[in-house]
Amino acid sequence: MAKKRKKKLNSKFVAFIALGLAMAMLLAVGREIMTTLQLRKQMAEAKEKLAQMQEENELLVEEKTKLQDPDYVESYARSNYMFSKDGEQIFFLPDKTDKKKNESNK
């Protein structure tokens, strides 16, 4: 009887250890899955940011190329910084939105 009892105790102990190992393995696999999902999300965000940066780079290269042209530089300076040619006068005309604001204030 003592042998049966000892055998039963050993089998329970082995089952308990096996259950513990199985749970530890499941926990480890779960962590790895979560890490993989987080890395995939980071990868997608990085790819999106890369695409935006490449688009911005293309625009900047295009702008750099345009700035090599003296005519473009002149027209850019005239439109954005109100530069004028010698003897030229600049008149400021109100925008359509400014007209609407003035009419609504009356």
Protein backbone atom coordinates (compact mmCIF):
# COMPACT_ATOMS: atom_id res chain seq x y z
CA MET A 1 0.00 0.00 0.00
CA ALA A 2 2.80 2.35 0.73
CA LYS A 3 4.15 1.76 -2.78
CA LYS A 4 0.79 2.64 -4.34
CA ARG A 5 0.56 5.74 -2.21
CA LYS A 6 4.11 6.74 -3.08
CA LYS A 7 3.47 6.05 -6.78
CA LYS A 8 0.27 8.14 -6.64
CA LEU A 9 2.15 10.96 -4.93
CA ASN A 10 4.92 10.82 -7.53
CA SER A 11 2.44 10.90 -10.42
CA LYS A 12 0.65 13.92 -8.87
CA PHE A 13 3.99 15.66 -8.41
CA VAL A 14 5.00 14.95 -12.01
CA ALA A 15 1.60 16.15 -13.26
CA PHE A 16 1.93 19.33 -11.19
CA ILE A 17 5.42 19.99 -12.57
CA ALA A 18 4.23 19.29 -16.13
CA LEU A 19 1.29 21.66 -15.66
CA GLY A 20 3.63 24.35 -14.31
CA LEU A 21 5.99 23.95 -17.25
CA ALA A 22 3.10 24.05 -19.71
CA MET A 23 1.80 27.28 -18.15
CA ALA A 24 5.29 28.82 -18.21
CA MET A 25 5.63 27.90 -21.88
CA LEU A 26 2.22 29.38 -22.69
CA LEU A 27 3.17 32.57 -20.88
CA ALA A 28 6.45 32.79 -22.82
CA VAL A 29 4.68 32.21 -26.14
CA GLY A 30 2.07 34.83 -25.23
CA ARG A 31 4.80 37.38 -24.50
CA GLU A 32 6.50 36.61 -27.79
CA ILE A 33 3.23 37.07 -29.67
CA MET A 34 2.65 40.43 -27.98
CA THR A 35 6.21 41.52 -28.79
CA THR A 36 5.75 40.47 -32.41
CA LEU A 37 2.51 42.44 -32.69
CA GLN A 38 4.13 45.54 -31.20
CA LEU A 39 7.08 45.25 -33.57
CA ARG A 40 4.76 44.90 -36.56
CA LYS A 41 2.90 48.03 -35.48
CA GLN A 42 6.19 49.92 -35.10
CA MET A 43 7.30 48.66 -38.50
CA ALA A 44 4.08 49.91 -40.13
CA GLU A 45 4.49 53.32 -38.47
CA ALA A 46 8.12 53.51 -39.57
CA LYS A 47 7.19 52.63 -43.16
CA GLU A 48 4.50 55.32 -43.15
CA LYS A 49 6.95 57.89 -41.78
CA LEU A 50 9.53 56.82 -44.37
CA ALA A 51 7.01 57.35 -47.17
CA GLN A 52 6.20 60.83 -45.83
CA MET A 53 9.88 61.71 -45.56
CA GLN A 54 10.57 60.49 -49.09
CA GLU A 55 7.69 62.59 -50.41
CA GLU A 56 8.97 65.62 -48.50
CA ASN A 57 12.48 64.95 -49.83
CA GLU A 58 11.19 64.86 -53.41
CA LEU A 59 9.44 68.20 -52.89
CA LEU A 60 12.59 69.73 -51.42
CA VAL A 61 14.75 68.44 -54.27
CA GLU A 62 12.24 69.89 -56.72
CA GLU A 63 12.29 73.23 -54.87
CA LYS A 64 16.10 73.18 -54.87
CA THR A 65 16.10 72.64 -58.62
CA LYS A 66 13.67 75.52 -59.10
CA LEU A 67 15.85 77.80 -56.96
CA GLN A 68 18.69 77.32 -59.45
CA ASP A 69 16.61 79.26 -62.00
CA PRO A 70 17.02 83.06 -61.58
CA ASP A 71 13.57 83.74 -63.07
CA TYR A 72 11.93 81.51 -60.47
CA VAL A 73 13.88 83.15 -57.65
CA GLU A 74 12.76 86.56 -58.87
CA SER A 75 9.09 85.59 -59.14
CA TYR A 76 9.25 83.86 -55.75
CA ALA A 77 10.74 86.93 -54.09
CA ARG A 78 8.19 89.20 -55.76
CA SER A 79 5.19 87.11 -54.75
CA ASN A 80 6.25 86.15 -51.22
CA TYR A 81 8.36 89.11 -50.10
CA MET A 82 6.83 91.97 -52.11
CA PHE A 83 10.06 92.77 -53.93
CA SER A 84 9.63 95.05 -56.90
CA LYS A 85 11.59 95.94 -59.97
CA ASP A 86 13.10 99.40 -60.29
CA GLY A 87 10.35 101.98 -60.85
CA GLU A 88 7.58 99.48 -60.17
CA GLN A 89 4.82 100.22 -57.66
CA ILE A 90 3.02 97.53 -55.68
CA PHE A 91 -0.68 97.87 -54.92
CA PHE A 92 -2.38 95.73 -52.30
CA LEU A 93 -5.86 94.62 -53.26
CA PRO A 94 -8.21 93.16 -50.66
CA ASP A 95 -9.03 89.49 -50.93
CA LYS A 96 -12.58 88.33 -51.52
CA THR A 97 -12.68 87.07 -47.95
CA ASP A 98 -11.68 90.54 -46.72
CA LYS A 99 -14.57 92.07 -48.71
CA LYS A 100 -17.04 89.71 -47.10
CA LYS A 101 -15.72 90.56 -43.64
CA ASN A 102 -16.02 94.29 -44.31
CA GLU A 103 -19.58 93.91 -45.62
CA SER A 104 -20.63 91.90 -42.58
CA ASN A 105 -19.20 94.55 -40.24
CA LYS A 106 -21.46 97.29 -41.73
